[in-house]
Amino acid sequence: MAQMTIVRYLQRYDIDRHIGKIVEVYKRRRDVAVGSIERYFPANIRFIRPEGGLFIWIELPTGISAREILNKCLEKK
């Protein structure tokens, strides 16, 4: 059933065009996130600029809690 649904979807819609749009959306989001990290994060925070995918790997110095940072972010929405 799932395969038949996917086949019909692919016959109806231009998946390559859709993927092209999504790639551009994620590229813009990545650029905003990386720009913010470069601008606002302290110099001792290391990160890897992704060439693809949805995630940015960030390394915090010893003694800085990712959970505490998350809680503060959630407080500030």
PDB file of N, CA and C in Angstrom:
ATOM      1  N   MET A   1       0.823  -1.190   0.000  1.00  0.00           N
ATOM      2  CA  MET A   1       0.000   0.000   0.000  1.00  0.00           C
ATOM      3  C   MET A   1       0.868   1.256   0.000  1.00  0.00           C
ATOM      4  N   ALA A   2       1.880   1.271   0.867  1.00  0.00           N
ATOM      5  CA  ALA A   2       2.751   2.451   0.964  1.00  0.00           C
ATOM      6  C   ALA A   2       3.488   2.681  -0.350  1.00  0.00           C
ATOM      7  N   GLN A   3       3.963   1.618  -0.974  1.00  0.00           N
ATOM      8  CA  GLN A   3       4.687   1.757  -2.233  1.00  0.00           C
ATOM      9  C   GLN A   3       3.775   2.285  -3.337  1.00  0.00           C
ATOM     10  N   MET A   4       2.539   1.827  -3.363  1.00  0.00           N
ATOM     11  CA  MET A   4       1.582   2.316  -4.378  1.00  0.00           C
ATOM     12  C   MET A   4       1.308   3.804  -4.168  1.00  0.00           C
ATOM     13  N   THR A   5       1.203   4.216  -2.937  1.00  0.00           N
ATOM     14  CA  THR A   5       0.974   5.629  -2.634  1.00  0.00           C
ATOM     15  C   THR A   5       2.152   6.467  -3.100  1.00  0.00           C
ATOM     16  N   ILE A   6       3.354   6.001  -2.843  1.00  0.00           N
ATOM     17  CA  ILE A   6       4.549   6.732  -3.254  1.00  0.00           C
ATOM     18  C   ILE A   6       4.643   6.802  -4.777  1.00  0.00           C
ATOM     19  N   VAL A   7       4.341   5.717  -5.460  1.00  0.00           N
ATOM     20  CA  VAL A   7       4.377   5.710  -6.921  1.00  0.00           C
ATOM     21  C   VAL A   7       3.399   6.748  -7.473  1.00  0.00           C
ATOM     22  N   ARG A   8       2.206   6.788  -6.942  1.00  0.00           N
ATOM     23  CA  ARG A   8       1.222   7.777  -7.414  1.00  0.00           C
ATOM     24  C   ARG A   8       1.686   9.200  -7.149  1.00  0.00           C
ATOM     25  N   TYR A   9       2.266   9.416  -5.981  1.00  0.00           N
ATOM     26  CA  TYR A   9       2.779  10.746  -5.653  1.00  0.00           C
ATOM     27  C   TYR A   9       3.857  11.155  -6.659  1.00  0.00           C
ATOM     28  N   LEU A  10       4.791  10.245  -6.927  1.00  0.00           N
ATOM     29  CA  LEU A  10       5.884  10.549  -7.850  1.00  0.00           C
ATOM     30  C   LEU A  10       5.401  10.755  -9.278  1.00  0.00           C
ATOM     31  N   GLN A  11       4.324  10.095  -9.646  1.00  0.00           N
ATOM     32  CA  GLN A  11       3.757  10.294 -10.979  1.00  0.00           C
ATOM     33  C   GLN A  11       3.067  11.652 -11.092  1.00  0.00           C
ATOM     34  N   ARG A  12       2.495  12.120 -10.025  1.00  0.00           N
ATOM     35  CA  ARG A  12       1.742  13.381 -10.031  1.00  0.00           C
ATOM     36  C   ARG A  12       2.600  14.621  -9.851  1.00  0.00           C
ATOM     37  N   TYR A  13       3.649  14.518  -9.035  1.00  0.00           N
ATOM     38  CA  TYR A  13       4.403  15.700  -8.645  1.00  0.00           C
ATOM     39  C   TYR A  13       5.868  15.592  -9.066  1.00  0.00           C
ATOM     40  N   ASP A  14       6.458  16.735  -9.311  1.00  0.00           N
ATOM     41  CA  ASP A  14       7.868  16.806  -9.703  1.00  0.00           C
ATOM     42  C   ASP A  14       8.726  16.808  -8.438  1.00  0.00           C
ATOM     43  N   ILE A  15       9.174  15.624  -8.040  1.00  0.00           N
ATOM     44  CA  ILE A  15       9.913  15.486  -6.789  1.00  0.00           C
ATOM     45  C   ILE A  15      11.238  16.233  -6.855  1.00  0.00           C
ATOM     46  N   ASP A  16      11.888  16.266  -8.015  1.00  0.00           N
ATOM     47  CA  ASP A  16      13.170  16.962  -8.131  1.00  0.00           C
ATOM     48  C   ASP A  16      13.002  18.466  -7.909  1.00  0.00           C
ATOM     49  N   ARG A  17      11.927  19.019  -8.406  1.00  0.00           N
ATOM     50  CA  ARG A  17      11.653  20.440  -8.187  1.00  0.00           C
ATOM     51  C   ARG A  17      11.396  20.715  -6.702  1.00  0.00           C
ATOM     52  N   HIS A  18      10.631  19.830  -6.086  1.00  0.00           N
ATOM     53  CA  HIS A  18      10.342  19.968  -4.657  1.00  0.00           C
ATOM     54  C   HIS A  18      11.630  19.892  -3.834  1.00  0.00           C
ATOM     55  N   ILE A  19      12.479  18.936  -4.138  1.00  0.00           N
ATOM     56  CA  ILE A  19      13.750  18.799  -3.421  1.00  0.00           C
ATOM     57  C   ILE A  19      14.595  20.050  -3.614  1.00  0.00           C
ATOM     58  N   GLY A  20      14.608  20.601  -4.822  1.00  0.00           N
ATOM     59  CA  GLY A  20      15.345  21.838  -5.074  1.00  0.00           C
ATOM     60  C   GLY A  20      14.872  22.983  -4.196  1.00  0.00           C
ATOM     61  N   LYS A  21      13.561  23.101  -4.016  1.00  0.00           N
ATOM     62  CA  LYS A  21      13.006  24.150  -3.150  1.00  0.00           C
ATOM     63  C   LYS A  21      13.406  23.926  -1.691  1.00  0.00           C
ATOM     64  N   ILE A  22      13.295  22.699  -1.243  1.00  0.00           N
ATOM     65  CA  ILE A  22      13.620  22.370   0.149  1.00  0.00           C
ATOM     66  C   ILE A  22      15.104  22.616   0.430  1.00  0.00           C
ATOM     67  N   VAL A  23      15.955  22.257  -0.518  1.00  0.00           N
ATOM     68  CA  VAL A  23      17.396  22.482  -0.347  1.00  0.00           C
ATOM     69  C   VAL A  23      17.670  23.969  -0.140  1.00  0.00           C
ATOM     70  N   GLU A  24      17.019  24.819  -0.894  1.00  0.00           N
ATOM     71  CA  GLU A  24      17.213  26.267  -0.745  1.00  0.00           C
ATOM     72  C   GLU A  24      16.716  26.765   0.613  1.00  0.00           C
ATOM     73  N   VAL A  25      15.585  26.256   1.056  1.00  0.00           N
ATOM     74  CA  VAL A  25      15.048  26.656   2.365  1.00  0.00           C
ATOM     75  C   VAL A  25      16.028  26.281   3.472  1.00  0.00           C
ATOM     76  N   TYR A  26      16.517  25.037   3.446  1.00  0.00           N
ATOM     77  CA  TYR A  26      17.438  24.589   4.483  1.00  0.00           C
ATOM     78  C   TYR A  26      18.777  25.309   4.400  1.00  0.00           C
ATOM     79  N   LYS A  27      19.211  25.643   3.194  1.00  0.00           N
ATOM     80  CA  LYS A  27      20.464  26.391   3.027  1.00  0.00           C
ATOM     81  C   LYS A  27      20.343  27.763   3.684  1.00  0.00           C
ATOM     82  N   ARG A  28      19.229  28.440   3.473  1.00  0.00           N
ATOM     83  CA  ARG A  28      19.017  29.753   4.106  1.00  0.00           C
ATOM     84  C   ARG A  28      18.983  29.626   5.623  1.00  0.00           C
ATOM     85  N   ARG A  29      18.295  28.609   6.120  1.00  0.00           N
ATOM     86  CA  ARG A  29      18.231  28.399   7.571  1.00  0.00           C
ATOM     87  C   ARG A  29      19.619  28.118   8.141  1.00  0.00           C
ATOM     88  N   ARG A  30      20.386  27.287   7.446  1.00  0.00           N
ATOM     89  CA  ARG A  30      21.749  26.989   7.892  1.00  0.00           C
ATOM     90  C   ARG A  30      22.581  28.257   7.940  1.00  0.00           C
ATOM     91  N   ASP A  31      22.485  29.073   6.896  1.00  0.00           N
ATOM     92  CA  ASP A  31      23.275  30.297   6.845  1.00  0.00           C
ATOM     93  C   ASP A  31      22.919  31.257   7.973  1.00  0.00           C
ATOM     94  N   VAL A  32      21.639  31.355   8.314  1.00  0.00           N
ATOM     95  CA  VAL A  32      21.215  32.207   9.431  1.00  0.00           C
ATOM     96  C   VAL A  32      21.768  31.656  10.748  1.00  0.00           C
ATOM     97  N   ALA A  33      21.673  30.357  10.950  1.00  0.00           N
ATOM     98  CA  ALA A  33      22.164  29.754  12.190  1.00  0.00           C
ATOM     99  C   ALA A  33      23.671  29.928  12.316  1.00  0.00           C
ATOM    100  N   VAL A  34      24.407  29.643  11.259  1.00  0.00           N
ATOM    101  CA  VAL A  34      25.869  29.772  11.305  1.00  0.00           C
ATOM    102  C   VAL A  34      26.258  31.234  11.508  1.00  0.00           C
ATOM    103  N   GLY A  35      25.588  32.136  10.825  1.00  0.00           N
ATOM    104  CA  GLY A  35      25.865  33.560  11.008  1.00  0.00           C
ATOM    105  C   GLY A  35      25.632  34.006  12.435  1.00  0.00           C
ATOM    106  N   SER A  36      24.579  33.497  13.056  1.00  0.00           N
ATOM    107  CA  SER A  36      24.285  33.833  14.450  1.00  0.00           C
ATOM    108  C   SER A  36      25.341  33.264  15.392  1.00  0.00           C
ATOM    109  N   ILE A  37      25.772  32.058  15.126  1.00  0.00           N
ATOM    110  CA  ILE A  37      26.822  31.447  15.956  1.00  0.00           C
ATOM    111  C   ILE A  37      28.096  32.283  15.851  1.00  0.00           C
ATOM    112  N   GLU A  38      28.472  32.633  14.626  1.00  0.00           N
ATOM    113  CA  GLU A  38      29.689  33.418  14.425  1.00  0.00           C
ATOM    114  C   GLU A  38      29.587  34.790  15.082  1.00  0.00           C
ATOM    115  N   ARG A  39      28.421  35.366  15.071  1.00  0.00           N
ATOM    116  CA  ARG A  39      28.246  36.715  15.603  1.00  0.00           C
ATOM    117  C   ARG A  39      28.092  36.761  17.122  1.00  0.00           C
ATOM    118  N   TYR A  40      27.321  35.832  17.678  1.00  0.00           N
ATOM    119  CA  TYR A  40      26.924  35.937  19.079  1.00  0.00           C
ATOM    120  C   TYR A  40      27.624  34.978  20.034  1.00  0.00           C
ATOM    121  N   PHE A  41      28.148  33.889  19.543  1.00  0.00           N
ATOM    122  CA  PHE A  41      28.757  32.915  20.447  1.00  0.00           C
ATOM    123  C   PHE A  41      30.169  33.360  20.824  1.00  0.00           C
ATOM    124  N   PRO A  42      30.616  33.034  22.042  1.00  0.00           N
ATOM    125  CA  PRO A  42      31.998  33.345  22.430  1.00  0.00           C
ATOM    126  C   PRO A  42      32.995  32.585  21.558  1.00  0.00           C
ATOM    127  N   ALA A  43      34.202  33.108  21.482  1.00  0.00           N
ATOM    128  CA  ALA A  43      35.236  32.527  20.613  1.00  0.00           C
ATOM    129  C   ALA A  43      35.634  31.114  21.039  1.00  0.00           C
ATOM    130  N   ASN A  44      35.409  30.742  22.303  1.00  0.00           N
ATOM    131  CA  ASN A  44      35.819  29.410  22.763  1.00  0.00           C
ATOM    132  C   ASN A  44      34.784  28.318  22.450  1.00  0.00           C
ATOM    133  N   ILE A  45      33.727  28.665  21.759  1.00  0.00           N
ATOM    134  CA  ILE A  45      32.736  27.682  21.318  1.00  0.00           C
ATOM    135  C   ILE A  45      33.118  27.240  19.904  1.00  0.00           C
ATOM    136  N   ARG A  46      33.318  25.943  19.741  1.00  0.00           N
ATOM    137  CA  ARG A  46      33.692  25.422  18.416  1.00  0.00           C
ATOM    138  C   ARG A  46      32.465  24.806  17.759  1.00  0.00           C
ATOM    139  N   PHE A  47      32.414  24.918  16.430  1.00  0.00           N
ATOM    140  CA  PHE A  47      31.309  24.283  15.707  1.00  0.00           C
ATOM    141  C   PHE A  47      31.781  23.874  14.325  1.00  0.00           C
ATOM    142  N   ILE A  48      31.050  22.967  13.749  1.00  0.00           N
ATOM    143  CA  ILE A  48      31.343  22.504  12.391  1.00  0.00           C
ATOM    144  C   ILE A  48      30.257  23.041  11.467  1.00  0.00           C
ATOM    145  N   ARG A  49      30.672  23.786  10.452  1.00  0.00           N
ATOM    146  CA  ARG A  49      29.731  24.326   9.473  1.00  0.00           C
ATOM    147  C   ARG A  49      29.286  23.167   8.567  1.00  0.00           C
ATOM    148  N   PRO A  50      28.011  22.829   8.581  1.00  0.00           N
ATOM    149  CA  PRO A  50      27.547  21.686   7.787  1.00  0.00           C
ATOM    150  C   PRO A  50      27.533  21.996   6.299  1.00  0.00           C
ATOM    151  N   GLU A  51      27.895  21.008   5.523  1.00  0.00           N
ATOM    152  CA  GLU A  51      27.808  21.133   4.067  1.00  0.00           C
ATOM    153  C   GLU A  51      26.493  20.556   3.557  1.00  0.00           C
ATOM    154  N   GLY A  52      25.818  19.831   4.394  1.00  0.00           N
ATOM    155  CA  GLY A  52      24.528  19.242   4.050  1.00  0.00           C
ATOM    156  C   GLY A  52      23.873  18.755   5.333  1.00  0.00           C
ATOM    157  N   GLY A  53      22.663  18.349   5.241  1.00  0.00           N
ATOM    158  CA  GLY A  53      21.979  17.869   6.433  1.00  0.00           C
ATOM    159  C   GLY A  53      21.300  18.987   7.199  1.00  0.00           C
ATOM    160  N   LEU A  54      20.814  18.652   8.371  1.00  0.00           N
ATOM    161  CA  LEU A  54      19.992  19.575   9.139  1.00  0.00           C
ATOM    162  C   LEU A  54      20.604  20.007  10.462  1.00  0.00           C
ATOM    163  N   PHE A  55      21.782  19.515  10.801  1.00  0.00           N
ATOM    164  CA  PHE A  55      22.299  19.730  12.138  1.00  0.00           C
ATOM    165  C   PHE A  55      23.659  20.401  12.123  1.00  0.00           C
ATOM    166  N   ILE A  56      23.898  21.233  13.139  1.00  0.00           N
ATOM    167  CA  ILE A  56      25.194  21.861  13.345  1.00  0.00           C
ATOM    168  C   ILE A  56      25.766  21.259  14.626  1.00  0.00           C
ATOM    169  N   TRP A  57      26.988  20.721  14.544  1.00  0.00           N
ATOM    170  CA  TRP A  57      27.639  20.140  15.716  1.00  0.00           C
ATOM    171  C   TRP A  57      28.379  21.251  16.443  1.00  0.00           C
ATOM    172  N   ILE A  58      28.060  21.444  17.729  1.00  0.00           N
ATOM    173  CA  ILE A  58      28.682  22.478  18.546  1.00  0.00           C
ATOM    174  C   ILE A  58      29.375  21.813  19.725  1.00  0.00           C
ATOM    175  N   GLU A  59      30.607  22.240  19.995  1.00  0.00           N
ATOM    176  CA  GLU A  59      31.357  21.723  21.140  1.00  0.00           C
ATOM    177  C   GLU A  59      31.504  22.827  22.168  1.00  0.00           C
ATOM    178  N   LEU A  60      31.016  22.545  23.369  1.00  0.00           N
ATOM    179  CA  LEU A  60      31.102  23.498  24.471  1.00  0.00           C
ATOM    180  C   LEU A  60      32.336  23.202  25.311  1.00  0.00           C
ATOM    181  N   PRO A  61      32.951  24.235  25.869  1.00  0.00           N
ATOM    182  CA  PRO A  61      34.086  24.003  26.760  1.00  0.00           C
ATOM    183  C   PRO A  61      33.638  23.257  28.018  1.00  0.00           C
ATOM    184  N   THR A  62      34.575  22.606  28.659  1.00  0.00           N
ATOM    185  CA  THR A  62      34.306  21.915  29.919  1.00  0.00           C
ATOM    186  C   THR A  62      33.727  22.901  30.920  1.00  0.00           C
ATOM    187  N   GLY A  63      32.677  22.477  31.614  1.00  0.00           N
ATOM    188  CA  GLY A  63      32.070  23.324  32.629  1.00  0.00           C
ATOM    189  C   GLY A  63      30.838  24.075  32.155  1.00  0.00           C
ATOM    190  N   ILE A  64      30.583  24.055  30.854  1.00  0.00           N
ATOM    191  CA  ILE A  64      29.373  24.697  30.335  1.00  0.00           C
ATOM    192  C   ILE A  64      28.356  23.595  30.050  1.00  0.00           C
ATOM    193  N   SER A  65      27.180  23.706  30.638  1.00  0.00           N
ATOM    194  CA  SER A  65      26.146  22.683  30.516  1.00  0.00           C
ATOM    195  C   SER A  65      25.203  22.990  29.356  1.00  0.00           C
ATOM    196  N   ALA A  66      25.126  22.076  28.432  1.00  0.00           N
ATOM    197  CA  ALA A  66      24.191  22.231  27.312  1.00  0.00           C
ATOM    198  C   ALA A  66      22.751  22.275  27.821  1.00  0.00           C
ATOM    199  N   ARG A  67      22.462  21.523  28.867  1.00  0.00           N
ATOM    200  CA  ARG A  67      21.105  21.507  29.431  1.00  0.00           C
ATOM    201  C   ARG A  67      20.742  22.879  30.005  1.00  0.00           C
ATOM    202  N   GLU A  68      21.687  23.523  30.692  1.00  0.00           N
ATOM    203  CA  GLU A  68      21.422  24.860  31.230  1.00  0.00           C
ATOM    204  C   GLU A  68      21.192  25.867  30.100  1.00  0.00           C
ATOM    205  N   ILE A  69      21.966  25.761  29.049  1.00  0.00           N
ATOM    206  CA  ILE A  69      21.779  26.649  27.896  1.00  0.00           C
ATOM    207  C   ILE A  69      20.401  26.422  27.296  1.00  0.00           C
ATOM    208  N   LEU A  70      20.006  25.167  27.146  1.00  0.00           N
ATOM    209  CA  LEU A  70      18.690  24.844  26.609  1.00  0.00           C
ATOM    210  C   LEU A  70      17.588  25.455  27.473  1.00  0.00           C
ATOM    211  N   ASN A  71      17.696  25.298  28.772  1.00  0.00           N
ATOM    212  CA  ASN A  71      16.670  25.847  29.671  1.00  0.00           C
ATOM    213  C   ASN A  71      16.577  27.359  29.552  1.00  0.00           C
ATOM    214  N   LYS A  72      17.705  28.047  29.451  1.00  0.00           N
ATOM    215  CA  LYS A  72      17.683  29.495  29.298  1.00  0.00           C
ATOM    216  C   LYS A  72      17.050  29.899  27.962  1.00  0.00           C
ATOM    217  N   CYS A  73      17.346  29.144  26.912  1.00  0.00           N
ATOM    218  CA  CYS A  73      16.750  29.417  25.603  1.00  0.00           C
ATOM    219  C   CYS A  73      15.238  29.247  25.672  1.00  0.00           C
ATOM    220  N   LEU A  74      14.782  28.191  26.329  1.00  0.00           N
ATOM    221  CA  LEU A  74      13.352  27.944  26.439  1.00  0.00           C
ATOM    222  C   LEU A  74      12.668  29.056  27.245  1.00  0.00           C
ATOM    223  N   GLU A  75      13.342  29.554  28.293  1.00  0.00           N
ATOM    224  CA  GLU A  75      12.789  30.659  29.067  1.00  0.00           C
ATOM    225  C   GLU A  75      12.585  31.896  28.205  1.00  0.00           C
ATOM    226  N   LYS A  76      13.510  32.142  27.304  1.00  0.00           N
ATOM    227  CA  LYS A  76      13.468  33.337  26.461  1.00  0.00           C
ATOM    228  C   LYS A  76      12.709  33.099  25.142  1.00  0.00           C
ATOM    229  N   LYS A  77      12.241  31.881  24.976  1.00  0.00           N
ATOM    230  CA  LYS A  77      11.508  31.478  23.780  1.00  0.00           C
ATOM    231  C   LYS A  77      12.299  31.766  22.518  1.00  0.00           C
TER     232      LYS A  77
END
